[in-house]
Amino acid sequence: MYYENEKGTFNFIAGMLLGAVVGASVALLAAPTSGKRTRRKLVRAVSSAGDQIEDWGDDVGDVISRRRGRRRRRIRS
């Protein structure tokens, strides 16, 4: 019974990934700009998203460091 649940989860995730690939393919084929320009836009968007994720990770790391420092000071006092 537990195996069936895992199989259902796997099928759902596989379906989501397949849908994303098909959707992206259709979007690229139906794009109003040339393939070269579309690829450039896509590269810029992915690069920008990567930079934003990196900034977010740095912010989260800073918050964790500050909270860890506060807790250490509370423990010492």
PDB file of N, CA and C in Angstrom:
ATOM      1  N   MET A   1       0.822  -1.182   0.000  1.00  0.00           N
ATOM      2  CA  MET A   1       0.000   0.000   0.000  1.00  0.00           C
ATOM      3  C   MET A   1       0.874   1.256   0.000  1.00  0.00           C
ATOM      4  N   TYR A   2       1.922   1.274   0.805  1.00  0.00           N
ATOM      5  CA  TYR A   2       2.825   2.423   0.846  1.00  0.00           C
ATOM      6  C   TYR A   2       3.522   2.612  -0.496  1.00  0.00           C
ATOM      7  N   TYR A   3       3.855   1.512  -1.164  1.00  0.00           N
ATOM      8  CA  TYR A   3       4.514   1.582  -2.467  1.00  0.00           C
ATOM      9  C   TYR A   3       3.633   2.287  -3.488  1.00  0.00           C
ATOM     10  N   GLU A   4       2.339   2.016  -3.432  1.00  0.00           N
ATOM     11  CA  GLU A   4       1.416   2.637  -4.380  1.00  0.00           C
ATOM     12  C   GLU A   4       1.407   4.153  -4.218  1.00  0.00           C
ATOM     13  N   ASN A   5       1.496   4.630  -2.992  1.00  0.00           N
ATOM     14  CA  ASN A   5       1.520   6.061  -2.738  1.00  0.00           C
ATOM     15  C   ASN A   5       2.781   6.687  -3.331  1.00  0.00           C
ATOM     16  N   GLU A   6       3.933   6.026  -3.152  1.00  0.00           N
ATOM     17  CA  GLU A   6       5.178   6.537  -3.730  1.00  0.00           C
ATOM     18  C   GLU A   6       5.097   6.561  -5.248  1.00  0.00           C
ATOM     19  N   LYS A   7       4.499   5.531  -5.824  1.00  0.00           N
ATOM     20  CA  LYS A   7       4.366   5.470  -7.279  1.00  0.00           C
ATOM     21  C   LYS A   7       3.480   6.614  -7.781  1.00  0.00           C
ATOM     22  N   GLY A   8       2.420   6.891  -7.056  1.00  0.00           N
ATOM     23  CA  GLY A   8       1.535   7.998  -7.429  1.00  0.00           C
ATOM     24  C   GLY A   8       2.252   9.338  -7.355  1.00  0.00           C
ATOM     25  N   THR A   9       3.080   9.517  -6.339  1.00  0.00           N
ATOM     26  CA  THR A   9       3.856  10.748  -6.197  1.00  0.00           C
ATOM     27  C   THR A   9       4.849  10.874  -7.333  1.00  0.00           C
ATOM     28  N   PHE A  10       5.520   9.771  -7.656  1.00  0.00           N
ATOM     29  CA  PHE A  10       6.480   9.787  -8.759  1.00  0.00           C
ATOM     30  C   PHE A  10       5.780  10.142 -10.066  1.00  0.00           C
ATOM     31  N   ASN A  11       4.631   9.545 -10.318  1.00  0.00           N
ATOM     32  CA  ASN A  11       3.892   9.829 -11.556  1.00  0.00           C
ATOM     33  C   ASN A  11       3.463  11.292 -11.615  1.00  0.00           C
ATOM     34  N   PHE A  12       3.055  11.839 -10.476  1.00  0.00           N
ATOM     35  CA  PHE A  12       2.648  13.249 -10.437  1.00  0.00           C
ATOM     36  C   PHE A  12       3.834  14.155 -10.782  1.00  0.00           C
ATOM     37  N   ILE A  13       4.985  13.908 -10.157  1.00  0.00           N
ATOM     38  CA  ILE A  13       6.175  14.727 -10.409  1.00  0.00           C
ATOM     39  C   ILE A  13       6.631  14.572 -11.854  1.00  0.00           C
ATOM     40  N   ALA A  14       6.615  13.346 -12.365  1.00  0.00           N
ATOM     41  CA  ALA A  14       7.004  13.116 -13.757  1.00  0.00           C
ATOM     42  C   ALA A  14       6.054  13.848 -14.707  1.00  0.00           C
ATOM     43  N   GLY A  15       4.769  13.831 -14.389  1.00  0.00           N
ATOM     44  CA  GLY A  15       3.793  14.544 -15.218  1.00  0.00           C
ATOM     45  C   GLY A  15       4.003  16.046 -15.189  1.00  0.00           C
ATOM     46  N   MET A  16       4.328  16.576 -14.015  1.00  0.00           N
ATOM     47  CA  MET A  16       4.607  18.012 -13.895  1.00  0.00           C
ATOM     48  C   MET A  16       5.829  18.393 -14.728  1.00  0.00           C
ATOM     49  N   LEU A  17       6.891  17.594 -14.638  1.00  0.00           N
ATOM     50  CA  LEU A  17       8.107  17.889 -15.410  1.00  0.00           C
ATOM     51  C   LEU A  17       7.839  17.787 -16.909  1.00  0.00           C
ATOM     52  N   LEU A  18       7.117  16.760 -17.310  1.00  0.00           N
ATOM     53  CA  LEU A  18       6.789  16.618 -18.727  1.00  0.00           C
ATOM     54  C   LEU A  18       5.941  17.798 -19.208  1.00  0.00           C
ATOM     55  N   GLY A  19       4.984  18.204 -18.403  1.00  0.00           N
ATOM     56  CA  GLY A  19       4.151  19.364 -18.753  1.00  0.00           C
ATOM     57  C   GLY A  19       4.965  20.638 -18.875  1.00  0.00           C
ATOM     58  N   ALA A  20       5.944  20.806 -17.987  1.00  0.00           N
ATOM     59  CA  ALA A  20       6.798  21.991 -18.047  1.00  0.00           C
ATOM     60  C   ALA A  20       7.632  21.995 -19.321  1.00  0.00           C
ATOM     61  N   VAL A  21       8.164  20.839 -19.688  1.00  0.00           N
ATOM     62  CA  VAL A  21       8.981  20.746 -20.909  1.00  0.00           C
ATOM     63  C   VAL A  21       8.121  21.008 -22.142  1.00  0.00           C
ATOM     64  N   VAL A  22       6.949  20.414 -22.189  1.00  0.00           N
ATOM     65  CA  VAL A  22       6.056  20.624 -23.333  1.00  0.00           C
ATOM     66  C   VAL A  22       5.629  22.088 -23.400  1.00  0.00           C
ATOM     67  N   GLY A  23       5.283  22.668 -22.272  1.00  0.00           N
ATOM     68  CA  GLY A  23       4.872  24.074 -22.245  1.00  0.00           C
ATOM     69  C   GLY A  23       5.984  25.002 -22.696  1.00  0.00           C
ATOM     70  N   ALA A  24       7.198  24.751 -22.233  1.00  0.00           N
ATOM     71  CA  ALA A  24       8.332  25.579 -22.639  1.00  0.00           C
ATOM     72  C   ALA A  24       8.600  25.430 -24.136  1.00  0.00           C
ATOM     73  N   SER A  25       8.480  24.223 -24.636  1.00  0.00           N
ATOM     74  CA  SER A  25       8.698  23.991 -26.072  1.00  0.00           C
ATOM     75  C   SER A  25       7.677  24.736 -26.913  1.00  0.00           C
ATOM     76  N   VAL A  26       6.427  24.660 -26.528  1.00  0.00           N
ATOM     77  CA  VAL A  26       5.369  25.361 -27.268  1.00  0.00           C
ATOM     78  C   VAL A  26       5.591  26.868 -27.197  1.00  0.00           C
ATOM     79  N   ALA A  27       5.987  27.365 -26.027  1.00  0.00           N
ATOM     80  CA  ALA A  27       6.222  28.800 -25.877  1.00  0.00           C
ATOM     81  C   ALA A  27       7.358  29.257 -26.784  1.00  0.00           C
ATOM     82  N   LEU A  28       8.421  28.468 -26.869  1.00  0.00           N
ATOM     83  CA  LEU A  28       9.536  28.847 -27.739  1.00  0.00           C
ATOM     84  C   LEU A  28       9.147  28.798 -29.211  1.00  0.00           C
ATOM     85  N   LEU A  29       8.351  27.805 -29.577  1.00  0.00           N
ATOM     86  CA  LEU A  29       7.925  27.700 -30.973  1.00  0.00           C
ATOM     87  C   LEU A  29       6.950  28.815 -31.359  1.00  0.00           C
ATOM     88  N   ALA A  30       6.149  29.262 -30.414  1.00  0.00           N
ATOM     89  CA  ALA A  30       5.144  30.287 -30.699  1.00  0.00           C
ATOM     90  C   ALA A  30       5.646  31.697 -30.404  1.00  0.00           C
ATOM     91  N   ALA A  31       6.905  31.830 -30.027  1.00  0.00           N
ATOM     92  CA  ALA A  31       7.448  33.142 -29.667  1.00  0.00           C
ATOM     93  C   ALA A  31       7.460  34.069 -30.883  1.00  0.00           C
ATOM     94  N   PRO A  32       7.140  35.344 -30.677  1.00  0.00           N
ATOM     95  CA  PRO A  32       7.083  36.281 -31.794  1.00  0.00           C
ATOM     96  C   PRO A  32       8.475  36.749 -32.262  1.00  0.00           C
ATOM     97  N   THR A  33       9.528  36.415 -31.535  1.00  0.00           N
ATOM     98  CA  THR A  33      10.873  36.837 -31.925  1.00  0.00           C
ATOM     99  C   THR A  33      11.657  35.652 -32.476  1.00  0.00           C
ATOM    100  N   SER A  34      12.803  35.963 -33.052  1.00  0.00           N
ATOM    101  CA  SER A  34      13.631  34.913 -33.631  1.00  0.00           C
ATOM    102  C   SER A  34      14.201  34.012 -32.544  1.00  0.00           C
ATOM    103  N   GLY A  35      14.659  32.857 -32.934  1.00  0.00           N
ATOM    104  CA  GLY A  35      15.230  31.906 -31.991  1.00  0.00           C
ATOM    105  C   GLY A  35      16.447  32.456 -31.274  1.00  0.00           C
ATOM    106  N   LYS A  36      17.301  33.158 -32.013  1.00  0.00           N
ATOM    107  CA  LYS A  36      18.520  33.711 -31.419  1.00  0.00           C
ATOM    108  C   LYS A  36      18.181  34.735 -30.338  1.00  0.00           C
ATOM    109  N   ARG A  37      17.231  35.622 -30.641  1.00  0.00           N
ATOM    110  CA  ARG A  37      16.832  36.653 -29.686  1.00  0.00           C
ATOM    111  C   ARG A  37      16.134  36.022 -28.473  1.00  0.00           C
ATOM    112  N   THR A  38      15.302  35.017 -28.735  1.00  0.00           N
ATOM    113  CA  THR A  38      14.610  34.340 -27.648  1.00  0.00           C
ATOM    114  C   THR A  38      15.606  33.652 -26.718  1.00  0.00           C
ATOM    115  N   ARG A  39      16.615  33.000 -27.298  1.00  0.00           N
ATOM    116  CA  ARG A  39      17.635  32.340 -26.480  1.00  0.00           C
ATOM    117  C   ARG A  39      18.390  33.357 -25.632  1.00  0.00           C
ATOM    118  N   ARG A  40      18.697  34.525 -26.207  1.00  0.00           N
ATOM    119  CA  ARG A  40      19.383  35.569 -25.442  1.00  0.00           C
ATOM    120  C   ARG A  40      18.526  36.037 -24.268  1.00  0.00           C
ATOM    121  N   LYS A  41      17.229  36.243 -24.534  1.00  0.00           N
ATOM    122  CA  LYS A  41      16.326  36.651 -23.464  1.00  0.00           C
ATOM    123  C   LYS A  41      16.254  35.584 -22.375  1.00  0.00           C
ATOM    124  N   LEU A  42      16.205  34.344 -22.789  1.00  0.00           N
ATOM    125  CA  LEU A  42      16.129  33.241 -21.843  1.00  0.00           C
ATOM    126  C   LEU A  42      17.389  33.174 -20.989  1.00  0.00           C
ATOM    127  N   VAL A  43      18.546  33.345 -21.613  1.00  0.00           N
ATOM    128  CA  VAL A  43      19.807  33.316 -20.866  1.00  0.00           C
ATOM    129  C   VAL A  43      19.844  34.459 -19.856  1.00  0.00           C
ATOM    130  N   ARG A  44      19.419  35.644 -20.265  1.00  0.00           N
ATOM    131  CA  ARG A  44      19.396  36.787 -19.344  1.00  0.00           C
ATOM    132  C   ARG A  44      18.438  36.543 -18.175  1.00  0.00           C
ATOM    133  N   ALA A  45      17.274  35.986 -18.476  1.00  0.00           N
ATOM    134  CA  ALA A  45      16.289  35.725 -17.428  1.00  0.00           C
ATOM    135  C   ALA A  45      16.811  34.701 -16.429  1.00  0.00           C
ATOM    136  N   VAL A  46      17.436  33.641 -16.926  1.00  0.00           N
ATOM    137  CA  VAL A  46      17.978  32.613 -16.038  1.00  0.00           C
ATOM    138  C   VAL A  46      19.125  33.183 -15.210  1.00  0.00           C
ATOM    139  N   SER A  47      19.970  33.975 -15.834  1.00  0.00           N
ATOM    140  CA  SER A  47      21.084  34.588 -15.114  1.00  0.00           C
ATOM    141  C   SER A  47      20.569  35.518 -14.023  1.00  0.00           C
ATOM    142  N   SER A  48      19.579  36.313 -14.347  1.00  0.00           N
ATOM    143  CA  SER A  48      18.991  37.228 -13.378  1.00  0.00           C
ATOM    144  C   SER A  48      18.360  36.454 -12.222  1.00  0.00           C
ATOM    145  N   ALA A  49      17.650  35.385 -12.543  1.00  0.00           N
ATOM    146  CA  ALA A  49      17.033  34.571 -11.495  1.00  0.00           C
ATOM    147  C   ALA A  49      18.112  33.954 -10.607  1.00  0.00           C
ATOM    148  N   GLY A  50      19.212  33.517 -11.211  1.00  0.00           N
ATOM    149  CA  GLY A  50      20.313  32.956 -10.429  1.00  0.00           C
ATOM    150  C   GLY A  50      20.912  33.984  -9.483  1.00  0.00           C
ATOM    151  N   ASP A  51      21.073  35.202  -9.972  1.00  0.00           N
ATOM    152  CA  ASP A  51      21.598  36.278  -9.119  1.00  0.00           C
ATOM    153  C   ASP A  51      20.646  36.568  -7.964  1.00  0.00           C
ATOM    154  N   GLN A  52      19.342  36.584  -8.250  1.00  0.00           N
ATOM    155  CA  GLN A  52      18.354  36.849  -7.204  1.00  0.00           C
ATOM    156  C   GLN A  52      18.356  35.736  -6.159  1.00  0.00           C
ATOM    157  N   ILE A  53      18.490  34.494  -6.603  1.00  0.00           N
ATOM    158  CA  ILE A  53      18.531  33.371  -5.668  1.00  0.00           C
ATOM    159  C   ILE A  53      19.785  33.454  -4.810  1.00  0.00           C
ATOM    160  N   GLU A  54      20.904  33.825  -5.424  1.00  0.00           N
ATOM    161  CA  GLU A  54      22.149  33.968  -4.670  1.00  0.00           C
ATOM    162  C   GLU A  54      22.018  35.067  -3.614  1.00  0.00           C
ATOM    163  N   ASP A  55      21.432  36.205  -3.987  1.00  0.00           N
ATOM    164  CA  ASP A  55      21.211  37.296  -3.030  1.00  0.00           C
ATOM    165  C   ASP A  55      20.299  36.851  -1.891  1.00  0.00           C
ATOM    166  N   TRP A  56      19.236  36.127  -2.234  1.00  0.00           N
ATOM    167  CA  TRP A  56      18.312  35.625  -1.227  1.00  0.00           C
ATOM    168  C   TRP A  56      19.041  34.685  -0.268  1.00  0.00           C
ATOM    169  N   GLY A  57      19.881  33.807  -0.811  1.00  0.00           N
ATOM    170  CA  GLY A  57      20.642  32.888   0.026  1.00  0.00           C
ATOM    171  C   GLY A  57      21.574  33.628   0.968  1.00  0.00           C
ATOM    172  N   ASP A  58      22.218  34.682   0.467  1.00  0.00           N
ATOM    173  CA  ASP A  58      23.084  35.490   1.324  1.00  0.00           C
ATOM    174  C   ASP A  58      22.283  36.138   2.451  1.00  0.00           C
ATOM    175  N   ASP A  59      21.106  36.668   2.115  1.00  0.00           N
ATOM    176  CA  ASP A  59      20.257  37.299   3.128  1.00  0.00           C
ATOM    177  C   ASP A  59      19.832  36.289   4.193  1.00  0.00           C
ATOM    178  N   VAL A  60      19.440  35.116   3.757  1.00  0.00           N
ATOM    179  CA  VAL A  60      19.026  34.077   4.709  1.00  0.00           C
ATOM    180  C   VAL A  60      20.205  33.689   5.590  1.00  0.00           C
ATOM    181  N   GLY A  61      21.392  33.558   5.001  1.00  0.00           N
ATOM    182  CA  GLY A  61      22.586  33.233   5.777  1.00  0.00           C
ATOM    183  C   GLY A  61      22.889  34.291   6.825  1.00  0.00           C
ATOM    184  N   ASP A  62      22.718  35.561   6.459  1.00  0.00           N
ATOM    185  CA  ASP A  62      22.946  36.649   7.416  1.00  0.00           C
ATOM    186  C   ASP A  62      21.958  36.582   8.579  1.00  0.00           C
ATOM    187  N   VAL A  63      20.699  36.336   8.270  1.00  0.00           N
ATOM    188  CA  VAL A  63      19.677  36.245   9.320  1.00  0.00           C
ATOM    189  C   VAL A  63      19.990  35.081  10.258  1.00  0.00           C
ATOM    190  N   ILE A  64      20.363  33.953   9.698  1.00  0.00           N
ATOM    191  CA  ILE A  64      20.694  32.784  10.524  1.00  0.00           C
ATOM    192  C   ILE A  64      21.897  33.079  11.411  1.00  0.00           C
ATOM    193  N   SER A  65      22.909  33.736  10.862  1.00  0.00           N
ATOM    194  CA  SER A  65      24.098  34.070  11.656  1.00  0.00           C
ATOM    195  C   SER A  65      23.746  34.999  12.811  1.00  0.00           C
ATOM    196  N   ARG A  66      22.915  36.000  12.545  1.00  0.00           N
ATOM    197  CA  ARG A  66      22.524  36.934  13.610  1.00  0.00           C
ATOM    198  C   ARG A  66      21.744  36.209  14.705  1.00  0.00           C
ATOM    199  N   ARG A  67      20.807  35.367  14.310  1.00  0.00           N
ATOM    200  CA  ARG A  67      20.009  34.652  15.303  1.00  0.00           C
ATOM    201  C   ARG A  67      20.872  33.680  16.108  1.00  0.00           C
ATOM    202  N   ARG A  68      21.826  33.052  15.450  1.00  0.00           N
ATOM    203  CA  ARG A  68      22.725  32.139  16.146  1.00  0.00           C
ATOM    204  C   ARG A  68      23.547  32.914  17.178  1.00  0.00           C
ATOM    205  N   GLY A  69      24.012  34.102  16.808  1.00  0.00           N
ATOM    206  CA  GLY A  69      24.774  34.935  17.732  1.00  0.00           C
ATOM    207  C   GLY A  69      23.944  35.345  18.936  1.00  0.00           C
ATOM    208  N   ARG A  70      22.681  35.715  18.709  1.00  0.00           N
ATOM    209  CA  ARG A  70      21.797  36.099  19.812  1.00  0.00           C
ATOM    210  C   ARG A  70      21.592  34.937  20.779  1.00  0.00           C
ATOM    211  N   ARG A  71      21.382  33.762  20.214  1.00  0.00           N
ATOM    212  CA  ARG A  71      21.136  32.597  21.072  1.00  0.00           C
ATOM    213  C   ARG A  71      22.377  32.243  21.872  1.00  0.00           C
ATOM    214  N   ARG A  72      23.537  32.381  21.262  1.00  0.00           N
ATOM    215  CA  ARG A  72      24.774  32.098  21.993  1.00  0.00           C
ATOM    216  C   ARG A  72      24.943  33.087  23.144  1.00  0.00           C
ATOM    217  N   ARG A  73      24.617  34.361  22.905  1.00  0.00           N
ATOM    218  CA  ARG A  73      24.734  35.357  23.972  1.00  0.00           C
ATOM    219  C   ARG A  73      23.737  35.051  25.091  1.00  0.00           C
ATOM    220  N   ARG A  74      22.539  34.612  24.740  1.00  0.00           N
ATOM    221  CA  ARG A  74      21.539  34.266  25.755  1.00  0.00           C
ATOM    222  C   ARG A  74      22.007  33.070  26.594  1.00  0.00           C
ATOM    223  N   ILE A  75      22.610  32.108  25.944  1.00  0.00           N
ATOM    224  CA  ILE A  75      23.081  30.918  26.661  1.00  0.00           C
ATOM    225  C   ILE A  75      24.213  31.280  27.612  1.00  0.00           C
ATOM    226  N   ARG A  76      25.117  32.167  27.193  1.00  0.00           N
ATOM    227  CA  ARG A  76      26.261  32.552  28.010  1.00  0.00           C
ATOM    228  C   ARG A  76      25.864  33.398  29.212  1.00  0.00           C
ATOM    229  N   SER A  77      24.768  34.142  29.094  1.00  0.00           N
ATOM    230  CA  SER A  77      24.396  35.036  30.199  1.00  0.00           C
ATOM    231  C   SER A  77      23.551  34.358  31.231  1.00  0.00           C
TER     232      SER A  77
END
